[in-house]
């Protein structure tokens, strides 16, 4: 956990980042304007130099990526649980203190749970050789895990990953020999 001064500085940095859409909003023409992006990076470098004299564009880029990655991870958890219909008592509360500050990034998310719903609608939750569960108590998490495993397998195949035992282990979990 960061101290009060660090949190205050990070809040200012995030607000300054939000004010630079050329760095995060891929739906604007500014995003592809190299000159605007360079100016925006310079503004953030200047801010980061208040804490780190050796800060440069690379340092700022790493900080932005770190903040964004942590936000996306939390955002996807919230989104997934909302889509799965978590009850009001079980609603996931993000633990990331700057989660709300980073909400301006949510519209840039490409992969959403609608893709999982799509997979369900095409029947990818169970393969032809798998037995459909007769137990109505089969947890939604189990179903989601199977869908995500199939999606990872499909993505790995699309990237040219080898097929065979490796992919089967990824789908069904590693089995002892």
Protein backbone atom coordinates (compact mmCIF):
# COMPACT_ATOMS: atom_id res chain seq x y z
CA UNK A 1 0.00 0.00 0.00
CA UNK A 2 1.30 3.42 -0.79
CA UNK A 3 1.56 6.32 1.63
CA UNK A 4 -0.65 9.37 1.65
CA UNK A 5 1.86 11.49 -0.31
CA UNK A 6 2.40 8.75 -2.89
CA UNK A 7 -1.36 8.28 -3.29
CA UNK A 8 -1.81 12.01 -3.78
CA UNK A 9 0.95 12.10 -6.39
CA UNK A 10 -0.47 9.06 -8.18
CA UNK A 11 -3.93 10.64 -8.20
CA UNK A 12 -2.48 13.76 -9.82
CA UNK A 13 -0.58 11.62 -12.33
CA UNK A 14 -3.72 9.66 -13.27
CA UNK A 15 -5.74 12.87 -13.66
CA UNK A 16 -3.02 14.31 -15.86
CA UNK A 17 -3.00 11.08 -17.89
CA UNK A 18 -6.78 11.27 -18.32
CA UNK A 19 -6.34 14.82 -19.66
CA UNK A 20 -4.12 13.38 -22.45
CA UNK A 21 -6.56 11.41 -24.66
CA UNK A 22 -3.89 11.07 -27.33
CA UNK A 23 -2.27 8.46 -25.05
CA UNK A 24 -5.30 6.36 -24.17
CA UNK A 25 -8.36 7.06 -26.35
CA UNK A 26 -7.86 5.02 -29.50
CA UNK A 27 -11.20 6.28 -30.86
CA UNK A 28 -9.96 9.83 -31.47
CA UNK A 29 -7.82 11.24 -34.25
CA UNK A 30 -5.39 12.55 -31.58
CA UNK A 31 -4.39 8.98 -30.77
CA UNK A 32 -2.62 8.59 -34.11
CA UNK A 33 -1.06 12.06 -34.08
CA UNK A 34 2.62 11.53 -33.21
CA UNK A 35 3.21 15.17 -32.33
CA UNK A 36 0.32 15.30 -29.86
CA UNK A 37 1.43 12.03 -28.30
CA UNK A 38 4.97 13.34 -27.90
CA UNK A 39 3.69 16.51 -26.20
CA UNK A 40 1.45 14.41 -23.93
CA UNK A 41 4.36 12.17 -22.95
CA UNK A 42 6.48 15.25 -22.20
CA UNK A 43 3.78 16.55 -19.85
CA UNK A 44 3.69 13.23 -17.98
CA UNK A 45 7.49 12.96 -17.89
CA UNK A 46 7.65 16.41 -16.32
CA UNK A 47 5.14 15.34 -13.67
CA UNK A 48 6.94 12.07 -12.93
CA UNK A 49 10.26 13.90 -12.60
CA UNK A 50 8.82 15.48 -9.44
CA UNK A 51 9.26 12.05 -7.81
CA UNK A 52 11.94 10.49 -10.00
CA UNK A 53 14.64 12.72 -11.50
CA UNK A 54 15.63 10.02 -13.99
CA UNK A 55 12.10 9.68 -15.41
CA UNK A 56 11.79 9.57 -19.19
CA UNK A 57 9.25 8.51 -21.82
CA UNK A 58 10.03 4.83 -21.18
CA UNK A 59 9.43 5.24 -17.43
CA UNK A 60 6.12 6.99 -18.07
CA UNK A 61 5.08 4.30 -20.55
CA UNK A 62 5.83 1.58 -18.00
CA UNK A 63 3.90 3.41 -15.29
CA UNK A 64 0.90 3.88 -17.61
CA UNK A 65 1.00 0.20 -18.59
CA UNK A 66 1.24 -0.89 -14.97
CA UNK A 67 -1.72 1.26 -13.92
CA UNK A 68 -3.75 0.16 -16.94
CA UNK A 69 -3.01 -3.54 -16.46
CA UNK A 70 -4.07 -3.49 -12.83
CA UNK A 71 -7.23 -1.56 -13.76
CA UNK A 72 -8.15 -3.95 -16.59
CA UNK A 73 -7.70 -6.97 -14.32
CA UNK A 74 -10.05 -5.51 -11.71
CA UNK A 75 -12.48 -4.23 -14.34
CA UNK A 76 -12.75 -7.66 -15.93
CA UNK A 77 -13.46 -9.24 -12.53
CA UNK A 78 -16.25 -6.77 -11.88
CA UNK A 79 -17.66 -7.21 -15.37
CA UNK A 80 -17.52 -11.00 -15.25
CA UNK A 81 -19.28 -11.21 -11.91
CA UNK A 82 -21.96 -8.74 -12.99
CA UNK A 83 -22.62 -10.79 -16.13
CA UNK A 84 -22.81 -13.98 -14.11
CA UNK A 85 -25.51 -12.40 -11.98
CA UNK A 86 -23.80 -12.13 -8.61
CA UNK A 87 -26.29 -11.27 -5.87
CA UNK A 88 -26.15 -7.85 -4.26
CA UNK A 89 -24.44 -9.30 -1.17
CA UNK A 90 -21.77 -10.94 -3.33
CA UNK A 91 -20.99 -8.03 -5.64
CA UNK A 92 -17.23 -7.80 -6.06
CA UNK A 93 -15.77 -4.61 -4.66
CA UNK A 94 -12.52 -3.67 -6.41
CA UNK A 95 -9.56 -3.52 -4.06
CA UNK A 96 -7.58 -1.18 -6.30
CA UNK A 97 -7.68 2.22 -4.62
CA UNK A 98 -7.51 4.09 -7.94
CA UNK A 99 -10.09 1.92 -9.72
CA UNK A 100 -12.65 4.74 -10.00
CA UNK A 101 -10.00 7.18 -11.21
CA UNK A 102 -9.18 4.88 -14.13
CA UNK A 103 -12.78 4.29 -15.26
CA UNK A 104 -12.15 6.56 -18.26
CA UNK A 105 -10.32 3.56 -19.79
CA UNK A 106 -13.32 1.24 -19.68
CA UNK A 107 -14.60 2.24 -23.12
CA UNK A 108 -11.31 1.18 -24.69
CA UNK A 109 -11.74 -2.44 -23.58
CA UNK A 110 -12.04 -4.69 -26.61
CA UNK A 111 -12.64 -8.11 -25.08
CA UNK A 112 -15.74 -8.18 -22.90
CA UNK A 113 -17.88 -10.89 -21.48
CA UNK A 114 -20.16 -10.62 -24.48
CA UNK A 115 -17.59 -12.90 -26.15
CA UNK A 116 -18.20 -15.51 -23.45
CA UNK A 117 -21.95 -15.16 -23.96
CA UNK A 118 -21.31 -15.65 -27.68
CA UNK A 119 -19.40 -18.85 -26.90
CA UNK A 120 -22.33 -20.09 -24.83
CA UNK A 121 -24.78 -19.36 -27.59
CA UNK A 122 -22.77 -21.45 -30.07
CA UNK A 123 -22.55 -24.30 -27.61
CA UNK A 124 -18.85 -24.18 -26.83
CA UNK A 125 -19.32 -24.73 -23.12
CA UNK A 126 -19.21 -28.52 -23.62
CA UNK A 127 -17.56 -30.49 -26.37
CA UNK A 128 -19.23 -33.35 -28.20
CA UNK A 129 -17.32 -36.00 -26.25
CA UNK A 130 -18.10 -34.47 -22.86
CA UNK A 131 -21.12 -35.49 -20.93
CA UNK A 132 -23.58 -32.71 -20.13
CA UNK A 133 -23.95 -32.30 -16.39
CA UNK A 134 -27.22 -33.59 -15.05
CA UNK A 135 -26.68 -31.75 -11.80
CA UNK A 136 -28.46 -28.38 -11.88
CA UNK A 137 -26.12 -27.28 -9.10
CA UNK A 138 -23.13 -27.19 -11.46
CA UNK A 139 -21.56 -23.89 -10.56
CA UNK A 140 -21.45 -21.02 -12.97
CA UNK A 141 -17.75 -20.71 -12.17
CA UNK A 142 -17.17 -24.28 -13.42
CA UNK A 143 -18.99 -23.50 -16.65
CA UNK A 144 -17.08 -20.25 -17.05
CA UNK A 145 -13.76 -21.99 -16.43
CA UNK A 146 -14.54 -24.54 -19.15
CA UNK A 147 -15.49 -21.80 -21.58
CA UNK A 148 -12.34 -19.83 -20.83
CA UNK A 149 -10.19 -22.96 -21.19
CA UNK A 150 -11.74 -23.63 -24.60
CA UNK A 151 -11.19 -20.01 -25.58
CA UNK A 152 -7.50 -20.22 -24.55
CA UNK A 153 -7.16 -23.43 -26.52
CA UNK A 154 -8.79 -21.87 -29.57
CA UNK A 155 -6.56 -18.77 -29.29
CA UNK A 156 -3.44 -20.93 -28.91
CA UNK A 157 -4.43 -22.91 -32.00
CA UNK A 158 -4.99 -19.70 -33.93
CA UNK A 159 -1.48 -18.56 -33.02
CA UNK A 160 -0.07 -21.76 -34.46
CA UNK A 161 0.49 -23.57 -31.17
CA UNK A 162 1.08 -27.28 -31.46
CA UNK A 163 -1.89 -29.56 -31.03
CA UNK A 164 -1.98 -32.81 -29.14
CA UNK A 165 -1.16 -33.63 -25.53
CA UNK A 166 -0.15 -30.05 -24.62
CA UNK A 167 -3.53 -28.61 -25.68
CA UNK A 168 -5.42 -31.46 -24.05
CA UNK A 169 -3.59 -30.76 -20.78
CA UNK A 170 -4.47 -27.08 -21.07
CA UNK A 171 -8.12 -27.99 -21.52
CA UNK A 172 -8.44 -30.79 -18.95
CA UNK A 173 -5.65 -29.91 -16.54
CA UNK A 174 -2.34 -31.67 -16.17
CA UNK A 175 -2.63 -35.37 -15.32
CA UNK A 176 -0.01 -37.42 -13.57
CA UNK A 177 1.83 -40.05 -15.58
